[in-house]
Amino acid sequence: MRLNNNFSLLRCFALAGVFLTSGLTGLQAQLTPGEVSQQVQLNTITTAVPFLMIGPDSRSGALGDAGVALSADANSLHWNPAKMAFSENEVEFSLSYAPWLRALVDDMNLAYLSGVKRLNDRQAWGAALRYFSLGNITFTDETGTTIRDFQPAEFSLDVGYSQKLSKRFSGGIAGRFINSNLTGGTNVLGANSKPGRSVAVDISAFYTNPKTKFAGRDAAFNWGLNISNIGAKMSYSESADRDFIPTNLKLGSALTMKLDDYNSLTFTADANKLLVPTTPIYDQESGVNIVSGYDSNVGVASGMIQSFYDAPGIVNFNQDGTYTIEDGSVFREELREWNVGGGIEYLYNDVFAFRTGFFNEHYSKGARQFITLGAGIKYTVFTVDLSYLISTRQQNPLANTLRFTLRLQFSDLVSVSDDSGE
């Protein structure tokens, strides 16, 4: 196949999207809903403030929510703070907006404002504000009498720093303040509620080799890692148990292949795992004795380590009170706690971009599965990105919703050293 005209390139792009979708689906063996009810014990990991895990920008949103190893931009602070040191522009800003549950309500949305500033050839810092509005809620008492109207909202404020440790490798760290006000202090079930608050940090790494070869063509290869939201548990009242925030491990890679002077393709994929304990399985008689798994009421550090081996697997209870754990089910459940996403980006002359992607999560761990589409166009310092999500398994809050991101990139005012490959 020759790739010397745009029609052939677009056909290649579309076919690659099909192969990507089928390939990523094969990474995790899937069961039908009927098989799930018979063979898989649903054990979704839940946390407080899940809005921190929503991909904010439309570029990664069109690539199957993959972004830890993509080239640096103004949204790097969410995906991988370490990327900021490799920003090609001295200053970048980004504003993203995503309607939420648009098929049901019209007043829920996520907004994300972020920026990156290069300090010099080796250092950069960034800041971001994420705001999640949950619309208007009317609180009532037991008899249905209106107590008050309230507009719950959550936000996080981030600051990050990135440092090149060599010409190809960088490290990054970010701090985050989280505020979740869901009740406005309303008395809930006899207890006074309060906003949930926490602080967290991200630790990340990024590797890039911009001068490599793939299939005989010039290419660039990136690799990234980000452990995000390492922070204190939070609670919404003095008496309630404190919940984990969504500490997450993200690993990913990206390969950009230059087809000619005007056309390039980028392939990217991410794998994610929540570093939060899995709920164990308790005995049926008392409901308090653990028969498989580990106690999830542990500290943050212990929970992160425990999350790699605490899956309870499938437990079969017998009528005589005994039980058996299905062979191999513990290991299988640990694998199911990883979700994968990835996509392909076609870029023409650094001006027009077309994207597609796929995301997959096992039935027993949340059941998210969707295809993503998107496009981008750049004019002078402005770039507009759009993304669209199509659910393939269950209804997604972002299904059939158009999201957009506006990016501003200002040219370098300081020199960037040439990567000679050392």
Foldseek 3Di string as FASTA:
>chain_A
DDDPDPVVVVVVQVVVQVVQAVVQCVVADADDPVVCVVFNAFFADDFPPPVLVDQFAQVCVQWFVDDQWDADAQSCVSNFLQNLLVDQFQKKKKWWKAAFLVVVDGAWIKIKIKMKGHPAQFKIKMKMKIKTKPQKDWDADPVRHTDDIDTWMKMKIKIKMKGDPDPFKIKMKMKMKIWTGDDVQDQDPNFTWAIKIKMFMKIKMKGKDQADDDPRFGKIKMWMKMFTGLIFFIDGGPPDDTTGHFGKIKIKMKMWTDSDPWKIKMKMKMKMAGLAATDAAAFPPPRPHGPFFDDRPDGSVVSSVSLQQGQRFDWDADPVRDIDHDPPRSVSVSVLRMKMKGKMWMGGNVFKIWIKMWIAHHPSHPGWTWIKIKMWGDDDQKIKIKMAIDTDTDDGRRHRIIMMMIMGGHHDPHDHDDCPPD
